[in-house]
Amino acid sequence: MPEISHRQHAGSQHAGIGHHIRRTIALAVPVVIARLGVLVMAAVDTIMTGRAGGQELAYLGLSMAPSIPLMLIGIGMLAGGGVLISQAHGAGEMQRCGMIWRVVMRHAIVIGLIVFALCLLGKPFFTLAAQPPDLIDGGARTLAAIGIGLPAQMLYIACIVLLEGTNRPLPGMVVMIAGNLLNIILNMLMIGGGSPLPGMEIPPLGATGAMLATSIVRWVSFLSILAYLYLMPASRMLGLRLPVRDGGETGRRMRRLGYPIAALQGLETASFSITSLFAGWIGAIAVAAYQVSFNLIALVFMVALGIATATGIRVGNAVGADDPVAARRAGWVGVFLVSAVFLPISAGLWLFADALAAVYTQDAVVARAAAGAIATIAAFTLFDGIQGTLVGAMRGYGETRISLINQIVSFWIIAIPVSLTLAFGAGFGLTGLIYGLGAGMTAAALLNGISFYRVTRRPLQRA
């Protein structure tokens, strides 16, 4: 084992819980801000496109239906590289981190080109999906505009997994904040049209303009973070310019880890999408209230995702350093932190449900239904945060298949049938749907908690 690994091992063996809490918080805060920036950008696109009219907003909504799952599946495929990098960093194998990154970049190029090609098939896809004829052309144009930026998004994620896996999360946070500001400026010019320079006129592009702006931001963000990687002082230490060795084997290990992560993200997203269809069976008010409540919950979950990412990195570092005590502590500290953060968040959602619903809609009937949904789901957000963090902790160990099985059981075997039974069999309507999803979140927290405990009892083995 390299000398630095022994030093890390010895230092972490004597590190107390307070050390793990401080290190996890220092890593989690910029990661949380960066993850929130993703949703903020999407919210700004939606709000600014809405000002261009309901038809443009419909184009945007239609284009996001296939693009979001495609993007999440692609990001999940690359997440396996983050596991390998965090473990290599914990072992003190700095140049190996850079080698793994170059393998991740190769995969990002291929995945990005595949999702771009799929985004060009919007018209036949929407036609086969029996969408309204007046939305197909506009939705297809907007989907193609999203596709232009997805290769850059995959490459950007490949760079971020290197930075976060080596405990350098601040650059990603800075780039995301700057990207949000640039996105607002470009939206102002491209959605409604404008003249940024004398003699230069941009026609109103509506939803297509919003997604072109986002694609430009994604390419600028990728090129900025790539430039940072090559100019940062640690560039040589990480071996970013060295040739790739055993790239085929590294790629196979990365894909073995990435397939379950991609499937988990795709299936979990699909379960929430299907539940929104169930809400549509209840009525227009129910589906509007459901969208409001889960848009808010998605925003809150970004906090849990940031803590989960930080926890997974800390666990991965400890696994690489061959320190089972530190790995176990890092995982349970992540659960403690997400619990400490989410208890007041849950209380706030419950206490201020009416005010939060009023931010989203001025329709009194929808606001009342949304407030009820927010207050109900508030009871389960703690379990959602815990299960997400436990998934991240197991990912640090290189264990991704067990969490996939747990999510399938929780959200497909428990949540969806319970939602249907309570909503329609027992007549609870929208409240029944929320309770069903809450049952899935609770089951996921319990199953992943048991699984994580078992994983921590095994002999350490790098992915």
Protein backbone atom coordinates (compact mmCIF):
# COMPACT_ATOMS: atom_id res chain seq x y z
CA MET A 1 0.00 0.00 0.00
CA PRO A 2 1.42 3.46 -0.82
CA GLU A 3 2.91 5.46 2.09
CA ILE A 4 0.19 8.11 2.02
CA SER A 5 -2.44 5.40 2.46
CA HIS A 6 -0.77 4.28 5.71
CA ARG A 7 -0.77 7.84 7.01
CA GLN A 8 -4.43 8.28 6.14
CA HIS A 9 -5.22 4.97 7.74
CA ALA A 10 -3.46 5.82 10.98
CA GLY A 11 -4.96 9.29 11.16
CA SER A 12 -8.51 8.15 10.56
CA GLN A 13 -8.28 5.29 13.07
CA HIS A 14 -7.87 7.90 15.83
CA ALA A 15 -10.42 10.33 14.41
CA GLY A 16 -13.52 10.78 16.53
CA ILE A 17 -17.11 11.34 15.49
CA GLY A 18 -16.60 15.12 15.61
CA HIS A 19 -13.85 14.85 12.99
CA HIS A 20 -16.15 12.91 10.66
CA ILE A 21 -18.97 15.41 11.19
CA ARG A 22 -16.73 18.38 10.37
CA ARG A 23 -15.23 16.75 7.29
CA THR A 24 -18.62 15.63 5.96
CA ILE A 25 -20.17 19.08 6.49
CA ALA A 26 -17.22 20.78 4.76
CA LEU A 27 -17.71 18.51 1.76
CA ALA A 28 -21.51 18.51 1.82
CA VAL A 29 -22.22 22.26 1.88
CA PRO A 30 -20.76 23.13 -1.56
CA VAL A 31 -22.15 19.87 -3.00
CA VAL A 32 -25.64 20.75 -1.70
CA ILE A 33 -25.42 24.25 -3.20
CA ALA A 34 -24.31 22.81 -6.55
CA ARG A 35 -27.18 20.28 -6.55
CA LEU A 36 -29.70 22.98 -5.66
CA GLY A 37 -28.36 25.02 -8.57
CA VAL A 38 -29.53 22.32 -10.99
CA LEU A 39 -33.14 22.62 -9.80
CA VAL A 40 -32.96 26.41 -9.61
CA MET A 41 -31.93 26.53 -13.27
CA ALA A 42 -34.86 24.29 -14.23
CA ALA A 43 -37.25 26.41 -12.16
CA VAL A 44 -36.00 29.62 -13.80
CA ASP A 45 -36.45 28.06 -17.25
CA THR A 46 -40.02 27.11 -16.36
CA ILE A 47 -40.95 30.49 -14.88
CA MET A 48 -39.42 32.54 -17.70
CA THR A 49 -40.88 30.28 -20.40
CA GLY A 50 -44.30 30.56 -18.76
CA ARG A 51 -44.25 34.28 -19.44
CA ALA A 52 -44.07 33.50 -23.16
CA GLY A 53 -47.44 31.73 -22.96
CA GLY A 54 -49.09 28.46 -22.02
CA GLN A 55 -48.29 26.86 -25.38
CA GLU A 56 -44.55 27.41 -24.93
CA LEU A 57 -44.77 26.09 -21.39
CA ALA A 58 -46.48 22.97 -22.76
CA TYR A 59 -43.63 22.50 -25.25
CA LEU A 60 -41.16 22.74 -22.38
CA GLY A 61 -43.06 20.26 -20.21
CA LEU A 62 -43.41 17.80 -23.08
CA SER A 63 -39.70 17.95 -23.94
CA MET A 64 -38.65 17.35 -20.33
CA ALA A 65 -40.65 14.12 -20.05
CA PRO A 66 -38.10 12.04 -22.05
CA SER A 67 -35.01 14.21 -21.49
CA ILE A 68 -34.91 14.08 -17.68
CA PRO A 69 -34.90 10.25 -17.43
CA LEU A 70 -32.29 10.08 -20.22
CA MET A 71 -30.07 12.55 -18.39
CA LEU A 72 -30.46 10.82 -15.01
CA ILE A 73 -29.68 7.41 -16.50
CA GLY A 74 -26.57 8.84 -18.18
CA ILE A 75 -25.40 10.48 -14.95
CA GLY A 76 -26.02 7.22 -13.09
CA MET A 77 -23.79 5.37 -15.55
CA LEU A 78 -20.95 7.79 -14.78
CA ALA A 79 -21.44 7.62 -10.99
CA GLY A 80 -19.51 4.35 -10.86
CA GLY A 81 -16.41 6.35 -11.81
CA GLY A 82 -16.93 8.52 -8.74
CA VAL A 83 -16.85 5.43 -6.51
CA LEU A 84 -13.55 4.28 -8.03
CA ILE A 85 -12.02 7.76 -7.76
CA SER A 86 -12.99 8.24 -4.09
CA GLN A 87 -11.55 4.84 -3.17
CA ALA A 88 -8.33 5.49 -5.12
CA HIS A 89 -8.00 8.89 -3.42
CA GLY A 90 -8.45 7.28 -0.01
CA ALA A 91 -5.68 4.80 -0.87
CA GLY A 92 -3.35 7.66 -1.81
CA GLU A 93 -3.27 6.60 -5.49
CA MET A 94 -3.43 10.15 -6.85
CA GLN A 95 -2.35 9.46 -10.41
CA ARG A 96 -4.83 6.61 -10.61
CA CYS A 97 -7.59 9.15 -9.90
CA GLY A 98 -6.64 10.99 -13.07
CA MET A 99 -6.49 7.77 -15.07
CA ILE A 100 -9.98 6.77 -13.90
CA TRP A 101 -11.21 10.25 -14.82
CA ARG A 102 -10.01 9.86 -18.40
CA VAL A 103 -11.88 6.55 -18.63
CA VAL A 104 -15.01 8.29 -17.28
CA MET A 105 -14.56 11.04 -19.89
CA ARG A 106 -14.50 8.47 -22.70
CA HIS A 107 -17.75 7.00 -21.42
CA ALA A 108 -19.24 10.48 -21.07
CA ILE A 109 -18.55 11.22 -24.74
CA VAL A 110 -20.28 8.02 -25.87
CA ILE A 111 -23.25 8.44 -23.52
CA GLY A 112 -23.60 12.11 -24.45
CA LEU A 113 -23.72 11.33 -28.18
CA ILE A 114 -26.30 8.57 -27.62
CA VAL A 115 -28.67 10.80 -25.63
CA PHE A 116 -28.19 13.61 -28.16
CA ALA A 117 -29.19 11.26 -30.98
CA LEU A 118 -32.24 10.10 -29.04
CA CYS A 119 -33.29 13.71 -28.46
CA LEU A 120 -33.41 14.22 -32.23
CA LEU A 121 -36.19 11.60 -32.43
CA GLY A 122 -38.73 13.76 -30.63
CA LYS A 123 -41.29 13.97 -33.43
CA PRO A 124 -41.72 10.19 -33.96
CA PHE A 125 -41.58 9.60 -30.20
CA PHE A 126 -44.29 12.14 -29.39
CA THR A 127 -46.38 10.86 -32.29
CA LEU A 128 -46.16 7.27 -31.03
CA ALA A 129 -47.00 8.54 -27.52
CA ALA A 130 -50.26 9.97 -28.94
CA GLN A 131 -49.49 13.52 -27.84
CA PRO A 132 -51.72 16.39 -29.08
CA PRO A 133 -50.80 17.26 -32.69
CA ASP A 134 -50.40 20.96 -31.89
CA LEU A 135 -47.66 20.15 -29.37
CA ILE A 136 -45.59 17.64 -31.34
CA ASP A 137 -43.54 19.97 -33.54
CA GLY A 138 -42.81 22.48 -30.79
CA GLY A 139 -42.01 19.75 -28.29
CA ALA A 140 -39.66 18.07 -30.78
CA ARG A 141 -37.82 21.35 -31.46
CA THR A 142 -37.40 21.98 -27.75
CA LEU A 143 -36.22 18.41 -27.13
CA ALA A 144 -33.59 18.79 -29.87
CA ALA A 145 -32.42 22.02 -28.21
CA ILE A 146 -32.01 20.13 -24.92
CA GLY A 147 -30.05 17.41 -26.73
CA ILE A 148 -27.44 19.89 -27.95
CA GLY A 149 -26.31 20.42 -24.36
CA LEU A 150 -26.49 16.85 -23.05
CA PRO A 151 -23.03 15.76 -24.30
CA ALA A 152 -21.60 18.74 -22.41
CA GLN A 153 -23.64 17.79 -19.35
CA MET A 154 -22.19 14.27 -19.36
CA LEU A 155 -18.63 15.60 -19.75
CA TYR A 156 -19.25 18.15 -16.99
CA ILE A 157 -20.43 15.39 -14.64
CA ALA A 158 -17.29 13.38 -15.47
CA CYS A 159 -15.19 16.34 -14.32
CA ILE A 160 -17.29 16.87 -11.21
CA VAL A 161 -16.92 13.25 -10.04
CA LEU A 162 -13.13 13.74 -10.16
CA LEU A 163 -13.24 16.99 -8.18
CA GLU A 164 -15.73 15.74 -5.59
CA GLY A 165 -14.09 12.32 -5.33
CA THR A 166 -10.79 14.02 -4.45
CA ASN A 167 -12.50 16.35 -1.92
CA ARG A 168 -12.52 19.46 -4.14
CA PRO A 169 -16.22 20.43 -4.34
CA LEU A 170 -15.87 24.24 -4.39
CA PRO A 171 -15.15 24.68 -8.14
CA GLY A 172 -18.37 22.84 -9.05
CA MET A 173 -20.35 25.11 -6.73
CA VAL A 174 -18.80 28.26 -8.23
CA VAL A 175 -19.42 27.12 -11.81
CA MET A 176 -23.02 26.21 -11.01
CA ILE A 177 -23.73 29.62 -9.46
CA ALA A 178 -22.15 31.40 -12.43
CA GLY A 179 -24.07 29.14 -14.82
CA ASN A 180 -27.38 30.10 -13.22
CA LEU A 181 -26.62 33.80 -13.67
CA LEU A 182 -25.63 33.26 -17.32
CA ASN A 183 -28.78 31.20 -17.88
CA ILE A 184 -31.00 34.09 -16.72
CA ILE A 185 -29.28 36.52 -19.09
CA LEU A 186 -29.51 34.14 -22.07
CA ASN A 187 -33.15 33.34 -21.30
CA MET A 188 -33.99 37.05 -21.36
CA LEU A 189 -32.47 37.29 -24.82
CA MET A 190 -33.64 34.03 -26.37
CA ILE A 191 -37.12 33.33 -25.01
CA GLY A 192 -38.67 36.66 -25.92
CA GLY A 193 -36.06 37.82 -28.43
CA GLY A 194 -33.75 40.79 -28.14
CA SER A 195 -30.84 42.77 -29.53
CA PRO A 196 -27.67 42.12 -27.49
CA LEU A 197 -25.47 44.02 -29.96
CA PRO A 198 -26.18 46.74 -32.53
CA GLY A 199 -27.34 45.13 -35.76
CA MET A 200 -27.83 41.75 -34.05
CA GLU A 201 -31.43 40.67 -33.59
CA ILE A 202 -32.49 37.42 -31.90
CA PRO A 203 -36.06 36.39 -32.75
CA PRO A 204 -38.43 35.18 -30.01
CA LEU A 205 -37.75 31.45 -29.59
CA GLY A 206 -39.94 30.61 -26.59
CA ALA A 207 -39.30 27.20 -25.02
CA THR A 208 -36.75 26.30 -27.69
CA GLY A 209 -34.81 29.45 -26.79
CA ALA A 210 -34.87 28.55 -23.10
CA MET A 211 -33.39 25.13 -23.80
CA LEU A 212 -30.83 26.53 -26.26
CA ALA A 213 -29.77 28.91 -23.48
CA THR A 214 -29.45 25.99 -21.06
CA SER A 215 -27.42 24.04 -23.62
CA ILE A 216 -25.05 26.99 -24.09
CA VAL A 217 -24.66 27.21 -20.30
CA ARG A 218 -23.85 23.49 -20.15
CA TRP A 219 -21.11 23.80 -22.75
CA VAL A 220 -19.65 26.90 -21.05
CA SER A 221 -19.78 25.12 -17.68
CA PHE A 222 -17.99 22.05 -19.04
CA LEU A 223 -15.25 24.06 -20.77
CA SER A 224 -14.78 26.17 -17.64
CA ILE A 225 -14.43 23.19 -15.31
CA LEU A 226 -12.16 21.41 -17.79
CA ALA A 227 -9.90 24.46 -17.96
CA TYR A 228 -9.81 24.56 -14.17
CA LEU A 229 -8.79 20.89 -14.00
CA TYR A 230 -5.81 21.40 -16.27
CA LEU A 231 -4.73 24.69 -14.66
CA MET A 232 -5.15 23.77 -10.98
CA PRO A 233 -1.93 23.10 -9.01
CA ALA A 234 -2.91 19.47 -8.36
CA SER A 235 -3.20 18.70 -12.08
CA ARG A 236 0.23 17.03 -12.30
CA MET A 237 -0.17 15.19 -9.01
CA LEU A 238 -3.43 13.68 -10.30
CA GLY A 239 -1.76 12.70 -13.56
CA LEU A 240 -4.39 14.28 -15.80
CA ARG A 241 -2.07 14.29 -18.80
CA LEU A 242 -0.63 10.79 -18.41
CA PRO A 243 -1.67 7.99 -20.79
CA VAL A 244 -4.41 5.59 -19.70
CA ARG A 245 -3.31 2.17 -18.43
CA ASP A 246 -5.67 -0.81 -17.99
CA GLY A 247 -8.50 1.38 -19.27
CA GLY A 248 -10.54 -1.62 -20.40
CA GLU A 249 -10.58 -3.19 -16.94
CA THR A 250 -11.34 0.16 -15.28
CA GLY A 251 -14.19 0.72 -17.71
CA ARG A 252 -15.67 -2.69 -16.90
CA ARG A 253 -15.50 -2.00 -13.17
CA MET A 254 -17.08 1.40 -13.66
CA ARG A 255 -19.92 -0.01 -15.76
CA ARG A 256 -20.53 -2.80 -13.26
CA LEU A 257 -21.08 -0.16 -10.60
CA GLY A 258 -22.88 2.25 -12.92
CA TYR A 259 -25.57 -0.04 -14.35
CA PRO A 260 -27.40 -0.49 -10.99
CA ILE A 261 -27.08 3.23 -10.19
CA ALA A 262 -28.53 4.18 -13.59
CA ALA A 263 -31.34 1.64 -13.19
CA LEU A 264 -32.06 2.87 -9.64
CA GLN A 265 -32.34 6.51 -10.74
CA GLY A 266 -34.45 5.65 -13.77
CA LEU A 267 -36.84 3.36 -11.87
CA GLU A 268 -37.25 5.71 -8.92
CA THR A 269 -37.97 8.66 -11.22
CA ALA A 270 -40.43 6.52 -13.18
CA SER A 271 -42.31 5.56 -9.99
CA PHE A 272 -42.98 9.22 -9.20
CA SER A 273 -43.96 9.89 -12.82
CA ILE A 274 -46.45 7.00 -12.75
CA THR A 275 -47.94 8.29 -9.51
CA SER A 276 -48.51 11.65 -11.21
CA LEU A 277 -50.56 9.76 -13.80
CA PHE A 278 -52.62 8.26 -10.96
CA ALA A 279 -53.22 11.81 -9.72
CA GLY A 280 -54.53 12.64 -13.19
CA TRP A 281 -57.15 9.91 -12.78
CA ILE A 282 -58.44 11.76 -9.73
CA GLY A 283 -58.74 15.08 -11.55
CA ALA A 284 -57.03 18.26 -12.71
CA ILE A 285 -56.87 19.76 -9.22
CA ALA A 286 -55.22 16.63 -7.82
CA VAL A 287 -52.56 16.48 -10.51
CA ALA A 288 -51.77 20.20 -10.11
CA ALA A 289 -51.51 19.80 -6.31
CA TYR A 290 -49.32 16.72 -6.74
CA GLN A 291 -46.93 18.59 -9.05
CA VAL A 292 -46.66 21.51 -6.63
CA SER A 293 -45.97 19.30 -3.60
CA PHE A 294 -43.40 17.10 -5.32
CA ASN A 295 -41.64 20.00 -6.99
CA LEU A 296 -41.08 21.31 -3.48
CA ILE A 297 -40.01 17.89 -2.17
CA ALA A 298 -37.57 17.51 -5.09
CA LEU A 299 -35.98 20.80 -4.07
CA VAL A 300 -35.68 19.61 -0.47
CA PHE A 301 -34.27 16.26 -1.59
CA MET A 302 -31.34 18.07 -3.23
CA VAL A 303 -30.12 18.77 0.31
CA ALA A 304 -30.25 15.04 1.08
CA LEU A 305 -28.54 14.27 -2.23
CA GLY A 306 -25.68 16.60 -1.34
CA ILE A 307 -25.23 14.96 2.05
CA ALA A 308 -25.51 11.51 0.43
CA THR A 309 -22.81 12.43 -2.13
CA ALA A 310 -20.50 13.72 0.58
CA THR A 311 -21.16 10.63 2.71
CA GLY A 312 -20.41 8.30 -0.19
CA ILE A 313 -17.12 10.09 -0.88
CA ARG A 314 -16.08 9.95 2.78
CA VAL A 315 -16.95 6.24 2.94
CA GLY A 316 -15.11 5.60 -0.33
CA ASN A 317 -12.01 7.40 0.95
CA ALA A 318 -12.04 5.22 4.10
CA VAL A 319 -12.52 2.03 2.06
CA GLY A 320 -9.56 3.00 -0.12
CA ALA A 321 -7.50 3.61 3.03
CA ASP A 322 -8.49 0.13 4.28
CA ASP A 323 -10.06 1.64 7.41
CA PRO A 324 -13.31 -0.20 8.29
CA VAL A 325 -13.91 1.87 11.45
CA ALA A 326 -13.72 5.17 9.54
CA ALA A 327 -15.92 3.81 6.73
CA ARG A 328 -18.61 2.70 9.16
CA ARG A 329 -18.47 5.95 11.12
CA ALA A 330 -18.60 8.08 7.96
CA GLY A 331 -21.79 6.31 6.86
CA TRP A 332 -23.63 6.65 10.17
CA VAL A 333 -22.45 10.25 10.55
CA GLY A 334 -24.10 10.99 7.20
CA VAL A 335 -27.36 9.49 8.51
CA PHE A 336 -27.06 11.59 11.67
CA LEU A 337 -26.45 14.79 9.68
CA VAL A 338 -29.35 14.24 7.28
CA SER A 339 -31.63 13.50 10.24
CA ALA A 340 -30.50 16.67 12.05
CA VAL A 341 -31.17 18.74 8.92
CA PHE A 342 -34.43 17.09 7.87
CA LEU A 343 -36.23 17.13 11.23
CA PRO A 344 -36.59 20.94 11.17
CA ILE A 345 -37.24 20.89 7.41
CA SER A 346 -40.11 18.41 7.92
CA ALA A 347 -41.51 20.55 10.73
CA GLY A 348 -41.28 23.65 8.55
CA LEU A 349 -43.07 21.98 5.63
CA TRP A 350 -45.89 20.94 7.97
CA LEU A 351 -46.19 24.32 9.76
CA PHE A 352 -45.95 26.49 6.64
CA ALA A 353 -47.71 24.26 4.10
CA ASP A 354 -50.34 26.92 3.29
CA ALA A 355 -47.75 29.65 2.69
CA LEU A 356 -45.56 27.39 0.57
CA ALA A 357 -48.48 26.32 -1.60
CA ALA A 358 -49.43 29.98 -2.14
CA VAL A 359 -45.97 30.64 -3.60
CA TYR A 360 -46.66 28.15 -6.39
CA THR A 361 -50.25 29.01 -7.30
CA GLN A 362 -52.85 31.74 -6.88
CA ASP A 363 -55.71 29.30 -7.49
CA ALA A 364 -57.35 28.93 -4.06
CA VAL A 365 -58.67 25.41 -4.73
CA VAL A 366 -55.35 24.10 -6.03
CA ALA A 367 -53.47 25.87 -3.23
CA ARG A 368 -55.66 24.22 -0.59
CA ALA A 369 -55.15 20.77 -2.11
CA ALA A 370 -51.40 21.37 -2.50
CA ALA A 371 -51.10 22.52 1.11
CA GLY A 372 -52.72 19.28 2.26
CA ALA A 373 -50.34 17.25 0.10
CA ILE A 374 -47.30 19.18 1.40
CA ALA A 375 -48.36 18.70 5.03
CA THR A 376 -48.86 14.97 4.42
CA ILE A 377 -45.56 14.34 2.64
CA ALA A 378 -43.74 16.34 5.33
CA ALA A 379 -44.21 13.37 7.65
CA PHE A 380 -42.09 11.20 5.34
CA THR A 381 -39.33 13.54 4.12
CA LEU A 382 -37.04 12.46 6.97
CA PHE A 383 -37.24 8.83 5.79
CA ASP A 384 -36.60 9.95 2.21
CA GLY A 385 -33.47 11.82 3.28
CA ILE A 386 -32.23 8.86 5.33
CA GLN A 387 -32.76 6.32 2.56
CA GLY A 388 -30.97 8.53 0.04
CA THR A 389 -28.00 8.98 2.35
CA LEU A 390 -27.79 5.25 3.04
CA VAL A 391 -27.75 4.59 -0.71
CA GLY A 392 -24.83 7.03 -0.98
CA ALA A 393 -23.02 5.36 1.92
CA MET A 394 -23.33 1.91 0.35
CA ARG A 395 -22.15 3.36 -2.94
CA GLY A 396 -18.94 4.40 -1.15
CA TYR A 397 -18.38 0.72 -0.36
CA GLY A 398 -18.91 -0.08 -4.04
CA GLU A 399 -22.22 -1.79 -3.23
CA THR A 400 -24.88 -0.68 -5.73
CA ARG A 401 -26.91 -3.81 -6.48
CA ILE A 402 -28.42 -4.23 -3.01
CA SER A 403 -29.69 -0.63 -2.98
CA LEU A 404 -31.24 -1.19 -6.43
CA ILE A 405 -33.14 -4.23 -5.14
CA ASN A 406 -34.25 -2.27 -2.06
CA GLN A 407 -35.56 0.60 -4.21
CA ILE A 408 -37.47 -1.77 -6.49
CA VAL A 409 -39.12 -3.41 -3.47
CA SER A 410 -39.83 -0.08 -1.76
CA PHE A 411 -41.17 1.96 -4.66
CA TRP A 412 -42.54 -0.62 -7.08
CA ILE A 413 -43.71 -3.48 -4.86
CA ILE A 414 -44.80 -1.36 -1.88
CA ALA A 415 -45.35 2.30 -2.83
CA ILE A 416 -47.29 1.96 -6.09
CA PRO A 417 -49.72 -0.79 -4.96
CA VAL A 418 -50.32 0.96 -1.61
CA SER A 419 -50.91 4.26 -3.42
CA LEU A 420 -53.48 2.66 -5.71
CA THR A 421 -55.20 0.85 -2.84
CA LEU A 422 -55.45 3.89 -0.57
CA ALA A 423 -56.31 6.37 -3.31
CA PHE A 424 -58.96 4.38 -5.14
CA GLY A 425 -59.78 1.28 -3.09
CA ALA A 426 -60.10 3.12 0.22
CA GLY A 427 -61.25 6.37 -1.37
CA PHE A 428 -58.57 8.66 0.13
CA GLY A 429 -57.78 10.26 -3.24
CA LEU A 430 -54.64 12.39 -3.42
CA THR A 431 -53.91 11.86 0.29
CA GLY A 432 -53.87 8.12 -0.36
CA LEU A 433 -51.32 8.55 -3.15
CA ILE A 434 -49.06 10.54 -0.83
CA TYR A 435 -49.37 7.97 1.96
CA GLY A 436 -48.46 5.21 -0.49
CA LEU A 437 -45.29 7.02 -1.56
CA GLY A 438 -44.54 7.72 2.10
CA ALA A 439 -44.80 3.99 2.78
CA GLY A 440 -42.22 3.41 0.03
CA MET A 441 -39.87 6.02 1.49
CA THR A 442 -40.17 4.48 4.95
CA ALA A 443 -39.56 0.98 3.61
CA ALA A 444 -36.52 2.20 1.66
CA ALA A 445 -35.04 3.76 4.82
CA LEU A 446 -35.52 0.53 6.79
CA LEU A 447 -34.25 -1.81 4.07
CA ASN A 448 -31.25 0.33 3.23
CA GLY A 449 -30.46 0.74 6.93
CA ILE A 450 -30.41 -3.03 7.43
CA SER A 451 -28.37 -3.50 4.25
CA PHE A 452 -25.83 -0.85 5.22
CA TYR A 453 -25.37 -2.45 8.65
CA ARG A 454 -24.66 -5.78 6.95
CA VAL A 455 -22.27 -4.23 4.44
CA THR A 456 -20.26 -2.62 7.25
CA ARG A 457 -19.75 -6.06 8.82
CA ARG A 458 -18.06 -7.49 5.76
CA PRO A 459 -14.29 -7.42 5.18
CA LEU A 460 -13.38 -4.30 3.20
CA GLN A 461 -12.88 -4.81 -0.52
CA ARG A 462 -12.38 -2.08 -3.10
CA ALA A 463 -14.71 -1.96 -6.07
